[in-house]
Amino acid sequence: MDIVSYGIGNKAAKEESKLRKDILGTGVEGAHPHVRARIDSLEDAIEGVNSLANKLIINDAVNIMKAHAKLNAIAKTTKYKMHNMIFDDLLDLSGIDTSKSSGYTHDTVNGSLKNGSIVTKEEITDVIPSKVVLNVDESFQSSDIAGKYYISRDSGITWEQIAPNSLFYFTDFISPQDKKLRLKAELPTGTTLLNYALTWA
């Protein structure tokens, strides 16, 4: 009698386990054949929502950083009494002359350029620039080697090296007096340019 009871109980336990794990239930219809598949589907959906939320958080953080950089550049233009400015957040390549640039990697999510030689598109100014301030934000992967920057007011025929974040005066006997501004960045391996602002008078 005990053996028969044990066998019936064991069989009932197996059926209950199958019912609990593999069957949706009497009268329940859906795209999933059993509870386990439905739970897996819900977990996948939750993971997708988390991934989307993470992307939104990253985008918000990037936008805040770019806005802060732009405000910092505007503050410096006020300091040096200059009112002409180009600010490029590098979220796209609209300000970069891709035909004259090479060896770089563009990150469209974070808005950055890594490695290589980058030349900006020509900017026609209202007056012949005599002084310029270049603001740059950089990040370094493995070395602390900053990029080298050059400025031209004759559309890249003549270049002068410019130190970021300080007032620069064109040398008249080196740079022809023209109104065609271009910037060139030479970024060593591991150096990333996050954004730049160029102001002049």
Protein backbone atom coordinates (compact mmCIF):
# COMPACT_ATOMS: atom_id res chain seq x y z
CA MET A 1 0.00 0.00 0.00
CA ASP A 2 2.84 2.42 0.90
CA ILE A 3 4.58 1.64 -2.39
CA VAL A 4 1.42 2.37 -4.36
CA SER A 5 0.86 5.64 -2.45
CA TYR A 6 4.47 6.65 -3.01
CA GLY A 7 4.14 5.97 -6.76
CA ILE A 8 0.90 7.97 -7.03
CA GLY A 9 2.41 10.86 -5.03
CA ASN A 10 5.56 10.85 -7.13
CA LYS A 11 3.49 10.90 -10.35
CA ALA A 12 1.36 13.78 -9.02
CA ALA A 13 4.48 15.77 -8.12
CA LYS A 14 5.84 15.35 -11.65
CA GLU A 15 2.52 16.44 -13.19
CA GLU A 16 2.34 19.48 -10.89
CA SER A 17 5.89 20.47 -11.82
CA LYS A 18 5.08 20.17 -15.52
CA LEU A 19 1.87 22.17 -15.05
CA ARG A 20 3.73 24.87 -13.14
CA LYS A 21 6.66 25.19 -15.56
CA ASP A 22 5.44 24.21 -19.00
CA ILE A 23 1.71 24.94 -19.35
CA LEU A 24 0.05 28.35 -19.50
CA GLY A 25 -3.11 27.05 -17.87
CA THR A 26 -6.57 25.92 -18.90
CA GLY A 27 -8.27 28.39 -21.21
CA VAL A 28 -5.22 30.70 -21.51
CA GLU A 29 -4.11 31.49 -25.04
CA GLY A 30 -1.01 33.30 -26.23
CA ALA A 31 2.02 33.30 -28.49
CA HIS A 32 4.07 31.32 -25.96
CA PRO A 33 3.67 27.57 -25.53
CA HIS A 34 4.41 27.56 -21.80
CA VAL A 35 5.18 29.73 -18.78
CA ARG A 36 8.94 29.46 -19.18
CA ALA A 37 8.80 30.88 -22.71
CA ARG A 38 6.57 33.73 -21.52
CA ILE A 39 8.98 34.60 -18.69
CA ASP A 40 11.95 34.49 -21.11
CA SER A 41 10.08 36.85 -23.44
CA LEU A 42 9.36 39.27 -20.59
CA GLU A 43 13.00 39.22 -19.52
CA ASP A 44 14.09 40.00 -23.10
CA ALA A 45 11.64 42.91 -23.24
CA ILE A 46 12.88 44.28 -19.90
CA GLU A 47 16.49 44.00 -21.12
CA GLY A 48 15.54 45.96 -24.27
CA VAL A 49 13.93 48.69 -22.16
CA ASN A 50 17.04 48.90 -19.97
CA SER A 51 19.25 49.17 -23.05
CA LEU A 52 17.12 52.00 -24.45
CA ALA A 53 17.15 53.79 -21.08
CA ASN A 54 20.95 53.53 -20.97
CA LYS A 55 21.20 55.06 -24.46
CA LEU A 56 18.96 57.95 -23.41
CA ILE A 57 21.05 58.54 -20.28
CA ILE A 58 24.25 58.58 -22.38
CA ASN A 59 22.70 61.00 -24.89
CA ASP A 60 21.58 63.32 -22.08
CA ALA A 61 25.04 63.24 -20.50
CA VAL A 62 26.71 63.97 -23.86
CA ASN A 63 24.33 66.89 -24.52
CA ILE A 64 25.00 68.36 -21.07
CA MET A 65 28.77 68.10 -21.58
CA LYS A 66 28.56 69.71 -25.03
CA ALA A 67 26.38 72.54 -23.68
CA HIS A 68 28.87 73.14 -20.84
CA ALA A 69 31.75 73.27 -23.33
CA LYS A 70 29.87 75.78 -25.48
CA LEU A 71 29.13 78.01 -22.47
CA ASN A 72 32.80 77.86 -21.50
CA ALA A 73 33.78 78.94 -25.02
CA ILE A 74 31.28 81.82 -24.94
CA ALA A 75 32.70 82.98 -21.60
CA LYS A 76 36.18 83.15 -23.13
CA THR A 77 34.94 85.13 -26.14
CA THR A 78 33.55 87.70 -23.71
CA LYS A 79 36.85 87.79 -21.84
CA TYR A 80 38.80 88.65 -25.01
CA LYS A 81 36.01 90.87 -26.43
CA MET A 82 35.48 88.70 -29.50
CA HIS A 83 32.02 88.07 -30.92
CA ASN A 84 32.60 85.69 -33.83
CA MET A 85 32.57 82.00 -32.97
CA ILE A 86 32.37 78.52 -34.47
CA PHE A 87 31.45 75.71 -32.07
CA ASP A 88 31.48 72.11 -33.33
CA ASP A 89 30.13 69.36 -31.05
CA LEU A 90 31.36 66.74 -33.59
CA LEU A 91 28.10 64.77 -33.48
CA ASP A 92 28.32 64.84 -37.26
CA LEU A 93 30.99 65.73 -39.83
CA SER A 94 29.26 68.82 -41.23
CA GLY A 95 32.14 71.07 -40.16
CA ILE A 96 34.95 68.72 -41.25
CA ASP A 97 36.50 68.70 -44.71
CA THR A 98 36.61 64.92 -45.17
CA SER A 99 38.51 65.21 -48.45
CA LYS A 100 41.45 66.88 -46.65
CA SER A 101 41.23 64.75 -43.45
CA SER A 102 42.58 61.23 -43.00
CA GLY A 103 43.17 58.42 -40.51
CA TYR A 104 40.50 59.47 -38.02
CA THR A 105 37.64 57.58 -36.38
CA HIS A 106 34.32 59.37 -35.88
CA ASP A 107 32.03 58.46 -32.94
CA THR A 108 28.51 59.65 -33.80
CA VAL A 109 27.04 58.68 -30.40
CA ASN A 110 29.40 60.65 -28.19
CA GLY A 111 30.42 63.21 -30.79
CA SER A 112 34.19 62.83 -31.06
CA LEU A 113 37.09 62.34 -33.45
CA LYS A 114 39.91 59.97 -32.57
CA ASN A 115 43.42 59.83 -34.04
CA GLY A 116 44.44 61.06 -37.47
CA SER A 117 44.62 64.41 -39.22
CA ILE A 118 41.48 66.57 -39.28
CA VAL A 119 40.94 69.73 -41.34
CA THR A 120 37.83 71.87 -40.91
CA LYS A 121 35.81 73.35 -43.73
CA GLU A 122 36.61 76.89 -44.86
CA GLU A 123 34.89 79.67 -42.91
CA ILE A 124 34.63 83.02 -44.70
CA THR A 125 34.91 85.80 -42.11
CA ASP A 126 33.58 89.36 -42.25
CA VAL A 127 36.95 90.87 -41.35
CA ILE A 128 40.55 89.73 -41.70
CA PRO A 129 41.18 87.85 -38.42
CA SER A 130 44.09 89.19 -36.42
CA LYS A 131 43.57 87.31 -33.16
CA VAL A 132 42.02 83.93 -32.38
CA VAL A 133 41.19 81.78 -29.36
CA LEU A 134 40.89 78.02 -29.83
CA ASN A 135 39.15 76.02 -27.09
CA VAL A 136 39.36 72.23 -27.27
CA ASP A 137 38.20 69.35 -25.09
CA GLU A 138 40.33 66.23 -25.38
CA SER A 139 40.47 62.84 -23.72
CA PHE A 140 43.43 60.48 -23.58
CA GLN A 141 43.34 56.69 -23.70
CA SER A 142 46.86 55.59 -22.89
CA SER A 143 49.12 58.61 -23.13
CA ASP A 144 49.00 62.24 -22.14
CA ILE A 145 50.10 63.42 -25.59
CA ALA A 146 47.77 66.23 -26.60
CA GLY A 147 46.89 66.99 -30.17
CA LYS A 148 48.71 69.64 -32.17
CA TYR A 149 46.60 72.39 -33.72
CA TYR A 150 47.23 74.75 -36.62
CA ILE A 151 45.29 77.78 -37.88
CA SER A 152 45.10 79.27 -41.35
CA ARG A 153 43.43 82.42 -42.66
CA ASP A 154 44.16 81.66 -46.34
CA SER A 155 42.14 78.40 -46.58
CA GLY A 156 45.00 76.10 -45.60
CA ILE A 157 47.79 77.34 -47.88
CA THR A 158 49.73 78.72 -44.90
CA TRP A 159 49.49 77.24 -41.40
CA GLU A 160 50.60 78.57 -38.02
CA GLN A 161 50.68 76.42 -34.89
CA ILE A 162 48.20 77.54 -32.25
CA ALA A 163 48.11 76.64 -28.54
CA PRO A 164 44.60 75.82 -27.32
CA ASN A 165 42.87 77.87 -24.61
CA SER A 166 45.03 80.98 -25.01
CA LEU A 167 45.00 84.13 -27.11
CA PHE A 168 46.78 83.76 -30.46
CA TYR A 169 47.87 86.57 -32.82
CA PHE A 170 48.47 85.90 -36.51
CA THR A 171 51.95 86.74 -37.74
CA ASP A 172 51.42 89.07 -40.70
CA PHE A 173 54.69 88.24 -42.49
CA ILE A 174 53.87 84.47 -42.24
CA SER A 175 50.11 84.38 -42.84
CA PRO A 176 48.68 86.27 -45.83
CA GLN A 177 45.89 88.64 -44.78
CA ASP A 178 42.81 86.80 -45.98
CA LYS A 179 39.34 85.94 -44.64
CA LYS A 180 39.31 82.15 -45.16
CA LEU A 181 39.71 80.46 -41.78
CA ARG A 182 40.56 76.80 -41.40
CA LEU A 183 41.69 74.73 -38.43
CA LYS A 184 43.84 71.60 -38.57
CA ALA A 185 44.22 69.04 -35.77
CA GLU A 186 46.90 66.35 -35.63
CA LEU A 187 45.71 63.78 -33.07
CA PRO A 188 48.22 61.13 -31.94
CA THR A 189 47.12 57.55 -31.25
CA GLY A 190 44.89 57.39 -28.18
CA THR A 191 43.91 61.06 -28.26
CA THR A 192 40.25 61.96 -28.82
CA LEU A 193 38.88 65.40 -29.70
CA LEU A 194 35.47 65.85 -28.04
CA ASN A 195 34.63 69.33 -29.37
CA TYR A 196 36.23 72.61 -30.33
CA ALA A 197 35.34 76.29 -30.41
CA LEU A 198 37.10 78.90 -32.51
CA THR A 199 36.61 82.61 -31.85
CA TRP A 200 38.23 85.51 -33.67
CA ALA A 201 38.39 89.25 -34.15
